[in-house]
C-alpha atoms as a PDB file:
ATOM      1  CA  MET A   1       0.521  21.216   5.088  1.00  0.00           C
ATOM      2  CA  ARG A   2       3.010  23.216   2.977  1.00  0.00           C
ATOM      3  CA  LEU A   3       2.494  23.507  -0.762  1.00  0.00           C
ATOM      4  CA  SER A   4       5.747  21.605  -1.495  1.00  0.00           C
ATOM      5  CA  ALA A   5       4.670  18.773   0.806  1.00  0.00           C
ATOM      6  CA  ARG A   6       1.298  18.567  -0.867  1.00  0.00           C
ATOM      7  CA  PHE A   7       2.936  18.468  -4.267  1.00  0.00           C
ATOM      8  CA  ASN A   8       5.306  15.658  -3.195  1.00  0.00           C
ATOM      9  CA  ALA A   9       2.389  13.685  -1.769  1.00  0.00           C
ATOM     10  CA  TRP A  10       0.411  14.087  -4.975  1.00  0.00           C
ATOM     11  CA  PHE A  11       3.471  13.233  -7.097  1.00  0.00           C
ATOM     12  CA  ASP A  12       4.339  10.134  -5.008  1.00  0.00           C
ATOM     13  CA  ALA A  13       0.766   8.853  -5.290  1.00  0.00           C
ATOM     14  CA  ARG A  14       1.232   8.664  -9.078  1.00  0.00           C
ATOM     15  CA  LEU A  15       4.373   6.501  -8.794  1.00  0.00           C
ATOM     16  CA  PRO A  16       4.045   2.710  -8.520  1.00  0.00           C
ATOM     17  CA  LEU A  17       5.754   0.799  -5.711  1.00  0.00           C
ATOM     18  CA  ALA A  18       8.285  -1.570  -7.250  1.00  0.00           C
ATOM     19  CA  ASP A  19      11.809  -2.871  -6.694  1.00  0.00           C
ATOM     20  CA  HIS A  20      12.529  -2.541 -10.442  1.00  0.00           C
ATOM     21  CA  HIS A  21      12.565   0.784 -12.275  1.00  0.00           C
ATOM     22  CA  SER A  22      12.917   1.568 -15.984  1.00  0.00           C
ATOM     23  CA  THR A  23      13.595   5.100 -17.209  1.00  0.00           C
ATOM     24  CA  GLY A  24      11.885   6.397 -20.337  1.00  0.00           C
ATOM     25  CA  GLN A  25      10.314   9.448 -21.912  1.00  0.00           C
ATOM     26  CA  ARG A  26       7.393   9.515 -19.453  1.00  0.00           C
ATOM     27  CA  ASN A  27       9.331   9.398 -16.184  1.00  0.00           C
ATOM     28  CA  THR A  28      12.606  11.221 -17.020  1.00  0.00           C
ATOM     29  CA  TYR A  29      12.439  14.973 -16.425  1.00  0.00           C
ATOM     30  CA  ILE A  30      14.874  17.732 -17.359  1.00  0.00           C
ATOM     31  CA  LEU A  31      15.288  21.389 -16.401  1.00  0.00           C
ATOM     32  CA  PRO A  32      18.113  23.948 -16.619  1.00  0.00           C
ATOM     33  CA  THR A  33      20.556  24.177 -13.699  1.00  0.00           C
ATOM     34  CA  GLY A  34      21.628  27.466 -12.179  1.00  0.00           C
ATOM     35  CA  ALA A  35      24.550  27.582 -14.593  1.00  0.00           C
ATOM     36  CA  GLY A  36      22.154  26.798 -17.447  1.00  0.00           C
ATOM     37  CA  ALA A  37      19.897  29.711 -16.530  1.00  0.00           C
ATOM     38  CA  LEU A  38      22.867  32.094 -16.477  1.00  0.00           C
ATOM     39  CA  PHE A  39      23.990  30.663 -19.795  1.00  0.00           C
ATOM     40  CA  GLY A  40      20.570  31.437 -21.250  1.00  0.00           C
ATOM     41  CA  VAL A  41      20.811  35.044 -20.014  1.00  0.00           C
ATOM     42  CA  LEU A  42      24.243  35.321 -21.622  1.00  0.00           C
ATOM     43  CA  LEU A  43      22.850  34.079 -24.963  1.00  0.00           C
ATOM     44  CA  LEU A  44      20.057  36.658 -24.789  1.00  0.00           C
ATOM     45  CA  VAL A  45      22.564  39.474 -24.125  1.00  0.00           C
ATOM     46  CA  LEU A  46      24.745  38.307 -27.030  1.00  0.00           C
ATOM     47  CA  LEU A  47      21.763  38.187 -29.345  1.00  0.00           C
ATOM     48  CA  LEU A  48      20.570  41.681 -28.376  1.00  0.00           C
ATOM     49  CA  ALA A  49      24.096  43.089 -28.805  1.00  0.00           C
ATOM     50  CA  SER A  50      24.438  41.435 -32.212  1.00  0.00           C
ATOM     51  CA  ILE A  51      21.077  42.865 -33.350  1.00  0.00           C
ATOM     52  CA  ASN A  52      21.871  46.356 -32.061  1.00  0.00           C
ATOM     53  CA  TYR A  53      25.326  46.545 -33.582  1.00  0.00           C
ATOM     54  CA  GLN A  54      24.666  44.366 -36.647  1.00  0.00           C
ATOM     55  CA  LEU A  55      27.542  42.007 -35.809  1.00  0.00           C
ATOM     56  CA  SER A  56      27.683  39.030 -38.111  1.00  0.00           C
ATOM     57  CA  LEU A  57      30.313  37.284 -35.959  1.00  0.00           C
ATOM     58  CA  GLY A  58      28.107  37.971 -32.913  1.00  0.00           C
ATOM     59  CA  TYR A  59      25.232  36.130 -34.614  1.00  0.00           C
ATOM     60  CA  ALA A  60      27.574  33.247 -35.455  1.00  0.00           C
ATOM     61  CA  LEU A  61      28.831  32.998 -31.867  1.00  0.00           C
ATOM     62  CA  THR A  62      25.328  33.245 -30.382  1.00  0.00           C
ATOM     63  CA  PHE A  63      23.888  30.491 -32.581  1.00  0.00           C
ATOM     64  CA  LEU A  64      26.984  28.304 -32.118  1.00  0.00           C
ATOM     65  CA  LEU A  65      26.614  28.460 -28.338  1.00  0.00           C
ATOM     66  CA  ALA A  66      22.863  27.910 -28.578  1.00  0.00           C
ATOM     67  CA  GLY A  67      23.392  24.846 -30.766  1.00  0.00           C
ATOM     68  CA  SER A  68      25.919  23.453 -28.323  1.00  0.00           C
ATOM     69  CA  ALA A  69      23.404  23.931 -25.465  1.00  0.00           C
ATOM     70  CA  LEU A  70      20.690  22.116 -27.433  1.00  0.00           C
ATOM     71  CA  ALA A  71      23.071  19.246 -28.158  1.00  0.00           C
ATOM     72  CA  GLY A  72      23.920  19.120 -24.447  1.00  0.00           C
ATOM     73  CA  LEU A  73      20.193  19.048 -23.626  1.00  0.00           C
ATOM     74  CA  HIS A  74      19.700  16.001 -25.807  1.00  0.00           C
ATOM     75  CA  MET A  75      22.794  14.206 -24.424  1.00  0.00           C
ATOM     76  CA  THR A  76      21.809  14.888 -20.796  1.00  0.00           C
ATOM     77  CA  HIS A  77      18.362  13.387 -21.274  1.00  0.00           C
ATOM     78  CA  ALA A  78      19.724  10.419 -23.249  1.00  0.00           C
ATOM     79  CA  THR A  79      22.261   9.648 -20.482  1.00  0.00           C
ATOM     80  CA  LEU A  80      19.454   8.789 -18.088  1.00  0.00           C
ATOM     81  CA  ARG A  81      16.826   7.499 -20.509  1.00  0.00           C
ATOM     82  CA  GLY A  82      16.580   3.714 -21.105  1.00  0.00           C
ATOM     83  CA  LEU A  83      18.239   2.474 -17.894  1.00  0.00           C
ATOM     84  CA  GLN A  84      17.071  -0.604 -15.963  1.00  0.00           C
ATOM     85  CA  MET A  85      17.505  -0.386 -12.172  1.00  0.00           C
ATOM     86  CA  ARG A  86      17.061  -3.191  -9.597  1.00  0.00           C
ATOM     87  CA  LEU A  87      17.131  -2.910  -5.811  1.00  0.00           C
ATOM     88  CA  ARG A  88      18.240  -5.315  -3.091  1.00  0.00           C
ATOM     89  CA  THR A  89      18.381  -4.619   0.646  1.00  0.00           C
ATOM     90  CA  GLY A  90      21.268  -5.794   2.788  1.00  0.00           C
ATOM     91  CA  GLY A  91      19.204  -7.109   5.682  1.00  0.00           C
ATOM     92  CA  PRO A  92      18.323  -5.750   9.134  1.00  0.00           C
ATOM     93  CA  ALA A  93      20.454  -3.298  11.101  1.00  0.00           C
ATOM     94  CA  PHE A  94      20.310  -1.681  14.519  1.00  0.00           C
ATOM     95  CA  ALA A  95      18.340   1.503  15.113  1.00  0.00           C
ATOM     96  CA  GLY A  96      20.601   4.515  15.192  1.00  0.00           C
ATOM     97  CA  GLY A  97      22.783   2.940  12.501  1.00  0.00           C
ATOM     98  CA  HIS A  98      22.506   2.575   8.741  1.00  0.00           C
ATOM     99  CA  ALA A  99      21.021  -0.084   6.511  1.00  0.00           C
ATOM    100  CA  GLU A 100      22.703  -0.779   3.199  1.00  0.00           C
ATOM    101  CA  VAL A 101      20.689  -0.773  -0.012  1.00  0.00           C
ATOM    102  CA  GLU A 102      22.283  -2.068  -3.235  1.00  0.00           C
ATOM    103  CA  ILE A 103      21.106  -0.800  -6.621  1.00  0.00           C
ATOM    104  CA  THR A 104      22.175  -2.455  -9.854  1.00  0.00           C
ATOM    105  CA  LEU A 105      22.018  -0.418 -13.082  1.00  0.00           C
ATOM    106  CA  ASP A 106      21.826  -2.176 -16.454  1.00  0.00           C
ATOM    107  CA  ASN A 107      22.859  -0.220 -19.543  1.00  0.00           C
ATOM    108  CA  PRO A 108      21.498  -1.544 -22.849  1.00  0.00           C
ATOM    109  CA  GLY A 109      23.307   0.995 -25.035  1.00  0.00           C
ATOM    110  CA  ALA A 110      26.442   3.130 -25.305  1.00  0.00           C
ATOM    111  CA  ALA A 111      28.599   4.175 -22.368  1.00  0.00           C
ATOM    112  CA  ARG A 112      27.092   6.665 -19.923  1.00  0.00           C
ATOM    113  CA  HIS A 113      28.832   8.942 -17.465  1.00  0.00           C
ATOM    114  CA  GLY A 114      28.063  10.991 -14.368  1.00  0.00           C
ATOM    115  CA  ILE A 115      24.933   9.232 -13.031  1.00  0.00           C
ATOM    116  CA  GLY A 116      24.168   9.877  -9.358  1.00  0.00           C
ATOM    117  CA  LEU A 117      21.701   8.096  -7.087  1.00  0.00           C
ATOM    118  CA  GLY A 118      20.502   9.094  -3.625  1.00  0.00           C
ATOM    119  CA  TRP A 119      17.522   9.515  -1.343  1.00  0.00           C
ATOM    120  CA  ARG A 120      15.109  12.312  -2.039  1.00  0.00           C
ATOM    121  CA  THR A 121      15.382  14.761   0.863  1.00  0.00           C
ATOM    122  CA  LEU A 122      12.775  17.180   2.153  1.00  0.00           C
ATOM    123  CA  GLY A 123      13.416  20.888   2.735  1.00  0.00           C
ATOM    124  CA  PRO A 124      13.031  22.800   6.015  1.00  0.00           C
ATOM    125  CA  ARG A 125       9.531  23.980   5.049  1.00  0.00           C
ATOM    126  CA  GLU A 126       8.381  20.374   5.170  1.00  0.00           C
ATOM    127  CA  GLY A 127       9.468  19.942   8.761  1.00  0.00           C
ATOM    128  CA  ARG A 128      12.856  18.286   8.164  1.00  0.00           C
ATOM    129  CA  ARG A 129      16.314  19.666   7.766  1.00  0.00           C
ATOM    130  CA  LYS A 130      17.595  19.233   4.238  1.00  0.00           C
ATOM    131  CA  ALA A 131      20.359  16.632   4.260  1.00  0.00           C
ATOM    132  CA  PRO A 132      23.674  17.293   2.490  1.00  0.00           C
ATOM    133  CA  ASP A 133      24.142  15.969  -0.993  1.00  0.00           C
ATOM    134  CA  GLU A 134      25.008  12.297  -0.533  1.00  0.00           C
ATOM    135  CA  ARG A 135      24.650  11.120  -4.097  1.00  0.00           C
ATOM    136  CA  ALA A 136      26.613   8.063  -5.104  1.00  0.00           C
ATOM    137  CA  TRP A 137      28.057   8.664  -8.586  1.00  0.00           C
ATOM    138  CA  THR A 138      28.928   6.063 -11.157  1.00  0.00           C
ATOM    139  CA  ASP A 139      29.716   5.499 -14.822  1.00  0.00           C
ATOM    140  CA  LEU A 140      28.200   2.784 -16.966  1.00  0.00           C
ATOM    141  CA  PRO A 141      30.182   0.896 -19.609  1.00  0.00           C
ATOM    142  CA  ALA A 142      28.577   0.139 -22.952  1.00  0.00           C
ATOM    143  CA  ARG A 143      26.120  -2.737 -22.561  1.00  0.00           C
ATOM    144  CA  GLY A 144      27.346  -3.269 -19.023  1.00  0.00           C
ATOM    145  CA  THR A 145      26.212  -2.934 -15.417  1.00  0.00           C
ATOM    146  CA  ALA A 146      27.242  -0.990 -12.340  1.00  0.00           C
ATOM    147  CA  THR A 147      26.356  -1.341  -8.680  1.00  0.00           C
ATOM    148  CA  VAL A 148      25.671   1.569  -6.301  1.00  0.00           C
ATOM    149  CA  ARG A 149      25.301   1.231  -2.517  1.00  0.00           C
ATOM    150  CA  LEU A 150      23.265   3.681  -0.481  1.00  0.00           C
ATOM    151  CA  GLN A 151      23.201   4.012   3.311  1.00  0.00           C
ATOM    152  CA  LEU A 152      19.770   4.549   4.917  1.00  0.00           C
ATOM    153  CA  PRO A 153      19.715   6.040   8.435  1.00  0.00           C
ATOM    154  CA  LEU A 154      17.456   4.125  10.788  1.00  0.00           C
ATOM    155  CA  ALA A 155      15.950   6.395  13.445  1.00  0.00           C
ATOM    156  CA  ALA A 156      13.682   3.889  15.221  1.00  0.00           C
ATOM    157  CA  ARG A 157      13.162   0.130  15.425  1.00  0.00           C
ATOM    158  CA  GLY A 158      10.581  -1.693  13.343  1.00  0.00           C
ATOM    159  CA  TRP A 159       9.899  -2.041   9.660  1.00  0.00           C
ATOM    160  CA  GLN A 160      11.053   1.107   7.804  1.00  0.00           C
ATOM    161  CA  PRO A 161       9.805   1.873   4.267  1.00  0.00           C
ATOM    162  CA  LEU A 162      12.478   3.051   1.842  1.00  0.00           C
ATOM    163  CA  PRO A 163      12.156   6.719   0.839  1.00  0.00           C
ATOM    164  CA  PRO A 164      11.955   7.634  -2.835  1.00  0.00           C
ATOM    165  CA  ILE A 165      15.203   7.293  -4.763  1.00  0.00           C
ATOM    166  CA  VAL A 166      16.354   9.979  -7.178  1.00  0.00           C
ATOM    167  CA  ALA A 167      18.657   9.183 -10.120  1.00  0.00           C
ATOM    168  CA  GLU A 168      20.089  12.208 -11.864  1.00  0.00           C
ATOM    169  CA  THR A 169      22.757  13.423 -14.257  1.00  0.00           C
ATOM    170  CA  ARG A 170      24.206  16.738 -15.463  1.00  0.00           C
ATOM    171  CA  PHE A 171      26.475  15.218 -18.090  1.00  0.00           C
ATOM    172  CA  PRO A 172      28.017  16.556 -20.340  1.00  0.00           C
ATOM    173  CA  LEU A 173      27.930  20.382 -19.924  1.00  0.00           C
ATOM    174  CA  GLY A 174      26.237  20.852 -16.547  1.00  0.00           C
ATOM    175  CA  LEU A 175      23.691  23.237 -18.066  1.00  0.00           C
ATOM    176  CA  PHE A 176      20.739  20.855 -17.584  1.00  0.00           C
ATOM    177  CA  ARG A 177      19.751  18.370 -14.898  1.00  0.00           C
ATOM    178  CA  ALA A 178      17.810  15.247 -15.880  1.00  0.00           C
ATOM    179  CA  TRP A 179      16.321  13.111 -13.096  1.00  0.00           C
ATOM    180  CA  THR A 180      13.848  10.364 -12.361  1.00  0.00           C
ATOM    181  CA  VAL A 181      12.078   9.391  -9.118  1.00  0.00           C
ATOM    182  CA  TRP A 182      11.641   5.803  -8.019  1.00  0.00           C
ATOM    183  CA  ARG A 183       9.491   4.521  -5.114  1.00  0.00           C
ATOM    184  CA  PRO A 184      10.858   1.176  -3.869  1.00  0.00           C
ATOM    185  CA  ALA A 185       8.444  -1.411  -2.467  1.00  0.00           C
ATOM    186  CA  ALA A 186      11.062  -3.001  -0.212  1.00  0.00           C
ATOM    187  CA  ARG A 187      11.329  -2.338   3.534  1.00  0.00           C
ATOM    188  CA  VAL A 188      14.185  -2.756   5.981  1.00  0.00           C
ATOM    189  CA  LEU A 189      13.924  -3.975   9.574  1.00  0.00           C
ATOM    190  CA  ALA A 190      15.562  -1.935  12.315  1.00  0.00           C
ATOM    191  CA  TRP A 191      16.550  -3.932  15.396  1.00  0.00           C
ATOM    192  CA  PRO A 192      16.416  -2.188  18.815  1.00  0.00           C
ATOM    193  CA  LYS A 193      19.576  -0.233  19.560  1.00  0.00           C
ATOM    194  CA  PRO A 194      21.407  -2.232  22.294  1.00  0.00           C
ATOM    195  CA  GLU A 195      21.518  -0.507  25.641  1.00  0.00           C
ATOM    196  CA  GLN A 196      24.838   1.158  26.446  1.00  0.00           C
ATOM    197  CA  PRO A 197      26.309   0.431  28.874  1.00  0.00           C
ATOM    198  CA  ALA A 198      24.635  -2.963  28.993  1.00  0.00           C
ATOM    199  CA  LEU A 199      23.537  -4.336  32.364  1.00  0.00           C
ATOM    200  CA  PRO A 200      24.794  -7.775  33.480  1.00  0.00           C
ATOM    201  CA  LEU A 201      22.755 -10.734  32.339  1.00  0.00           C
ATOM    202  CA  PRO A 202      19.894 -11.546  34.701  1.00  0.00           C
ATOM    203  CA  ALA A 203      20.416 -14.418  37.124  1.00  0.00           C
ATOM    204  CA  GLY A 204      18.713 -17.737  36.266  1.00  0.00           C
ATOM    205  CA  GLY A 205      19.253 -20.823  34.267  1.00  0.00           C
ATOM    206  CA  ALA A 206      17.300 -23.251  32.140  1.00  0.00           C
ATOM    207  CA  GLN A 207      13.600 -22.851  32.836  1.00  0.00           C
ATOM    208  CA  ALA A 208      10.474 -24.780  31.916  1.00  0.00           C
ATOM    209  CA  THR A 209       9.058 -24.156  28.468  1.00  0.00           C
ATOM    210  CA  PRO A 210       5.829 -22.089  28.548  1.00  0.00           C
ATOM    211  CA  ASP A 211       2.572 -23.919  28.021  1.00  0.00           C
ATOM    212  CA  HIS A 212       1.163 -23.195  24.546  1.00  0.00           C
ATOM    213  CA  ASP A 213      -2.416 -23.214  25.924  1.00  0.00           C
ATOM    214  CA  SER A 214      -1.752 -20.735  28.727  1.00  0.00           C
ATOM    215  CA  PRO A 215      -0.431 -17.140  28.680  1.00  0.00           C
ATOM    216  CA  ALA A 216       3.290 -16.576  29.171  1.00  0.00           C
ATOM    217  CA  GLN A 217       4.322 -16.480  32.838  1.00  0.00           C
ATOM    218  CA  ALA A 218       5.747 -13.170  34.059  1.00  0.00           C
ATOM    219  CA  HIS A 219       7.797 -15.001  36.704  1.00  0.00           C
ATOM    220  CA  PRO A 220       9.104 -18.344  35.352  1.00  0.00           C
ATOM    221  CA  PRO A 221       9.680 -21.320  37.675  1.00  0.00           C
ATOM    222  CA  ALA A 222      12.915 -21.889  39.521  1.00  0.00           C
ATOM    223  CA  PRO A 223      15.934 -22.648  37.308  1.00  0.00           C
ATOM    224  CA  GLN A 224      17.137 -26.148  36.765  1.00  0.00           C
ATOM    225  CA  VAL A 225      20.871 -25.841  36.383  1.00  0.00           C
ATOM    226  CA  ALA A 226      22.822 -28.484  34.524  1.00  0.00           C
ATOM    227  CA  PRO A 227      26.051 -29.753  36.108  1.00  0.00           C
ATOM    228  CA  ALA A 228      29.017 -27.516  35.328  1.00  0.00           C
ATOM    229  CA  SER A 229      31.188 -30.529  34.492  1.00  0.00           C
ATOM    230  CA  GLN A 230      28.855 -31.829  31.785  1.00  0.00           C
ATOM    231  CA  GLU A 231      30.827 -33.423  28.941  1.00  0.00           C
ATOM    232  CA  LEU A 232      29.823 -33.857  25.319  1.00  0.00           C
ATOM    233  CA  THR A 233      29.179 -37.300  23.848  1.00  0.00           C
ATOM    234  CA  PHE A 234      28.839 -38.355  20.238  1.00  0.00           C
ATOM    235  CA  ASP A 235      25.005 -38.298  20.583  1.00  0.00           C
ATOM    236  CA  GLN A 236      25.245 -34.591  21.357  1.00  0.00           C
ATOM    237  CA  LEU A 237      26.834 -33.810  17.999  1.00  0.00           C
ATOM    238  CA  ARG A 238      25.074 -33.215  14.718  1.00  0.00           C
ATOM    239  CA  PRO A 239      26.127 -32.249  11.129  1.00  0.00           C
ATOM    240  CA  TRP A 240      27.069 -28.589  10.709  1.00  0.00           C
ATOM    241  CA  ARG A 241      24.299 -26.318   9.402  1.00  0.00           C
ATOM    242  CA  THR A 242      24.432 -22.845   7.891  1.00  0.00           C
ATOM    243  CA  GLY A 243      24.088 -20.268  10.681  1.00  0.00           C
ATOM    244  CA  ASP A 244      25.937 -22.285  13.365  1.00  0.00           C
ATOM    245  CA  ALA A 245      28.482 -20.226  15.335  1.00  0.00           C
ATOM    246  CA  LEU A 246      32.156 -21.171  14.945  1.00  0.00           C
ATOM    247  CA  ARG A 247      32.422 -22.034  18.629  1.00  0.00           C
ATOM    248  CA  GLN A 248      29.748 -24.729  18.168  1.00  0.00           C
ATOM    249  CA  VAL A 249      31.978 -26.645  15.732  1.00  0.00           C
ATOM    250  CA  ALA A 250      33.761 -29.707  17.163  1.00  0.00           C
ATOM    251  CA  TRP A 251      37.123 -28.886  15.626  1.00  0.00           C
ATOM    252  CA  LYS A 252      38.976 -31.962  16.988  1.00  0.00           C
ATOM    253  CA  LYS A 253      36.469 -34.344  15.420  1.00  0.00           C
ATOM    254  CA  ALA A 254      36.537 -32.286  12.202  1.00  0.00           C
ATOM    255  CA  ALA A 255      40.354 -32.630  12.106  1.00  0.00           C
ATOM    256  CA  ARG A 256      40.122 -36.392  12.536  1.00  0.00           C
ATOM    257  CA  THR A 257      37.272 -37.155  10.129  1.00  0.00           C
ATOM    258  CA  GLY A 258      37.258 -34.144   7.782  1.00  0.00           C
ATOM    259  CA  GLU A 259      33.530 -33.664   8.493  1.00  0.00           C
ATOM    260  CA  LEU A 260      32.134 -30.511  10.112  1.00  0.00           C
ATOM    261  CA  VAL A 261      29.863 -31.279  13.073  1.00  0.00           C
ATOM    262  CA  SER A 262      28.315 -28.915  15.621  1.00  0.00           C
ATOM    263  CA  ARG A 263      27.401 -29.298  19.262  1.00  0.00           C
ATOM    264  CA  GLU A 264      23.717 -29.056  20.099  1.00  0.00           C
ATOM    265  CA  ALA A 265      22.572 -25.892  21.898  1.00  0.00           C
ATOM    266  CA  GLU A 266      21.829 -27.879  25.083  1.00  0.00           C
ATOM    267  CA  ALA A 267      25.429 -29.054  25.249  1.00  0.00           C
ATOM    268  CA  LEU A 268      27.009 -25.622  24.933  1.00  0.00           C
ATOM    269  CA  PRO A 269      29.039 -24.352  27.931  1.00  0.00           C
ATOM    270  CA  GLY A 270      26.885 -22.470  30.452  1.00  0.00           C
ATOM    271  CA  GLN A 271      23.223 -22.787  31.318  1.00  0.00           C
ATOM    272  CA  ALA A 272      20.246 -21.773  29.207  1.00  0.00           C
ATOM    273  CA  LEU A 273      18.770 -18.331  29.909  1.00  0.00           C
ATOM    274  CA  TRP A 274      15.210 -17.154  29.445  1.00  0.00           C
ATOM    275  CA  LEU A 275      14.578 -13.447  28.778  1.00  0.00           C
ATOM    276  CA  ASP A 276      11.295 -11.555  28.904  1.00  0.00           C
ATOM    277  CA  GLU A 277       9.938  -8.014  29.341  1.00  0.00           C
ATOM    278  CA  ALA A 278       9.532  -8.470  33.095  1.00  0.00           C
ATOM    279  CA  ALA A 279      13.251  -9.037  33.523  1.00  0.00           C
ATOM    280  CA  ALA A 280      14.035  -5.849  31.521  1.00  0.00           C
ATOM    281  CA  ARG A 281      11.671  -3.491  33.350  1.00  0.00           C
ATOM    282  CA  SER A 282      13.080  -0.429  35.114  1.00  0.00           C
ATOM    283  CA  ALA A 283      11.565   2.538  36.840  1.00  0.00           C
ATOM    284  CA  ALA A 284      12.590   5.035  34.143  1.00  0.00           C
ATOM    285  CA  GLY A 285      12.292   2.903  31.006  1.00  0.00           C
ATOM    286  CA  GLY A 286       9.375   2.374  28.645  1.00  0.00           C
ATOM    287  CA  LEU A 287       8.797  -0.157  25.880  1.00  0.00           C
ATOM    288  CA  GLU A 288      11.699   1.032  23.727  1.00  0.00           C
ATOM    289  CA  HIS A 289      14.080   0.951  26.684  1.00  0.00           C
ATOM    290  CA  ARG A 290      13.019  -2.618  27.485  1.00  0.00           C
ATOM    291  CA  MET A 291      13.567  -3.710  23.902  1.00  0.00           C
ATOM    292  CA  SER A 292      17.015  -2.113  23.877  1.00  0.00           C
ATOM    293  CA  ARG A 293      17.929  -3.884  27.106  1.00  0.00           C
ATOM    294  CA  LEU A 294      16.702  -7.247  25.786  1.00  0.00           C
ATOM    295  CA  ALA A 295      18.702  -6.735  22.583  1.00  0.00           C
ATOM    296  CA  ALA A 296      21.855  -6.024  24.619  1.00  0.00           C
ATOM    297  CA  TRP A 297      21.245  -9.190  26.654  1.00  0.00           C
ATOM    298  CA  VAL A 298      20.762 -11.301  23.535  1.00  0.00           C
ATOM    299  CA  LEU A 299      24.166 -10.097  22.242  1.00  0.00           C
ATOM    300  CA  ALA A 300      25.771 -10.607  25.664  1.00  0.00           C
ATOM    301  CA  ALA A 301      24.437 -14.155  25.917  1.00  0.00           C
ATOM    302  CA  GLU A 302      25.830 -14.878  22.460  1.00  0.00           C
ATOM    303  CA  GLN A 303      29.246 -13.603  23.550  1.00  0.00           C
ATOM    304  CA  ALA A 304      29.051 -15.714  26.742  1.00  0.00           C
ATOM    305  CA  ALA A 305      28.131 -18.866  24.761  1.00  0.00           C
ATOM    306  CA  ARG A 306      24.881 -19.247  26.684  1.00  0.00           C
ATOM    307  CA  PRO A 307      21.777 -20.622  24.960  1.00  0.00           C
ATOM    308  CA  VAL A 308      19.088 -17.968  25.269  1.00  0.00           C
ATOM    309  CA  GLY A 309      15.285 -18.116  24.932  1.00  0.00           C
ATOM    310  CA  LEU A 310      12.847 -15.242  24.684  1.00  0.00           C
ATOM    311  CA  ARG A 311       9.246 -14.632  25.813  1.00  0.00           C
ATOM    312  CA  LEU A 312       7.181 -11.800  24.389  1.00  0.00           C
ATOM    313  CA  GLY A 313       3.589 -11.921  25.445  1.00  0.00           C
ATOM    314  CA  ALA A 314       2.109 -15.300  24.463  1.00  0.00           C
ATOM    315  CA  GLN A 315       4.957 -15.978  22.016  1.00  0.00           C
ATOM    316  CA  HIS A 316       8.214 -17.677  22.942  1.00  0.00           C
ATOM    317  CA  TRP A 317      11.404 -18.797  21.274  1.00  0.00           C
ATOM    318  CA  LEU A 318      13.164 -21.853  22.766  1.00  0.00           C
ATOM    319  CA  PRO A 319      16.756 -21.482  23.991  1.00  0.00           C
ATOM    320  CA  GLY A 320      19.336 -21.827  21.297  1.00  0.00           C
ATOM    321  CA  SER A 321      22.448 -20.233  19.884  1.00  0.00           C
ATOM    322  CA  GLY A 322      24.114 -19.411  16.601  1.00  0.00           C
ATOM    323  CA  ASP A 323      23.745 -16.650  14.071  1.00  0.00           C
ATOM    324  CA  ALA A 324      20.328 -17.774  12.816  1.00  0.00           C
ATOM    325  CA  HIS A 325      18.905 -17.974  16.343  1.00  0.00           C
ATOM    326  CA  ARG A 326      20.311 -14.572  17.269  1.00  0.00           C
ATOM    327  CA  ARG A 327      18.792 -13.006  14.159  1.00  0.00           C
ATOM    328  CA  ALA A 328      15.406 -14.606  14.935  1.00  0.00           C
ATOM    329  CA  LEU A 329      15.403 -13.107  18.442  1.00  0.00           C
ATOM    330  CA  LEU A 330      16.496  -9.641  17.200  1.00  0.00           C
ATOM    331  CA  ASP A 331      13.831  -9.802  14.494  1.00  0.00           C
ATOM    332  CA  ALA A 332      11.221 -10.523  17.139  1.00  0.00           C
ATOM    333  CA  LEU A 333      12.434  -7.602  19.306  1.00  0.00           C
ATOM    334  CA  GLY A 334      12.448  -5.294  16.262  1.00  0.00           C
ATOM    335  CA  THR A 335       8.802  -6.009  15.396  1.00  0.00           C
ATOM    336  CA  TRP A 336       7.267  -6.500  18.832  1.00  0.00           C
ATOM    337  CA  ASN A 337       4.660  -3.717  19.320  1.00  0.00           C
ATOM    338  CA  ALA A 338       6.787  -1.465  17.125  1.00  0.00           C
ATOM    339  CA  GLY A 339       3.844   0.901  16.530  1.00  0.00           C
ATOM    340  CA  ALA A 340       3.370   1.512  20.262  1.00  0.00           C
ATOM    341  CA  ARG A 341       5.649   4.207  21.511  1.00  0.00           C
END
């Protein structure tokens, strides 16, 4: 392991895992920037020239510039010190995409400027290409708050821990950089990336529910297809619930009564569909390929207004529809044997 990787591992072990971070004297660090180092060399040259030639104005200029740098040092550190930061994730996203992380900064004092937040990146010596600077910059009003949103790339499905977050500033002169490192405790779930192009939905209709006391069947019984001309009755309607798809709403009844009601999943157009790993197998695909194919089929069934159920091993999810049901199936596909590659 490289020396820089060892240092980062040792440094990260000292940081607590938390979704709230407060900056103070003990966790806010400051060092000169490249411009600050050159400025220090310039001050040294001015001082040597003033001593050699006995220039009173040279002394005055040297100490004036040095005093300005010291004042800038204090202001840079104070810009970052005393902040309260809170983190909130935006929910799951598909692998290969980005998850959104929202950070709220609370400022208990005077206005602050030029604060940047971003993920800590590793250099090429640690086995990863250093990412470009993707800091999100913001200003904080006096005794106010600001919100910063970061995009986290999701390389693979499953639960992904958030990398350390760096908050930094170079305000006001750019001669010093103050920063703090924060290790979030939150994780984000990456759903399988849907297969592209997606294969047609497998043939089959509503099938018997698996027995809880017996393992899931690899080949479910013959489908029992409901009549295509099935019509909805009042008994097949229920009050609208959060997560119901718009196409489930009985708009004519809502227009007459002013009350939102939804059709039950069994009464949706089309027949119920059961999905499992056996239906997604292919000669060239492994576990990740099967999960991607099942994710594409879940989305396709949602578009086709077909209630869809899912079997994974001994677990099963009954056919249903709507946003909440779709998220439950994608959550299951994102976490199913995610450590097995």
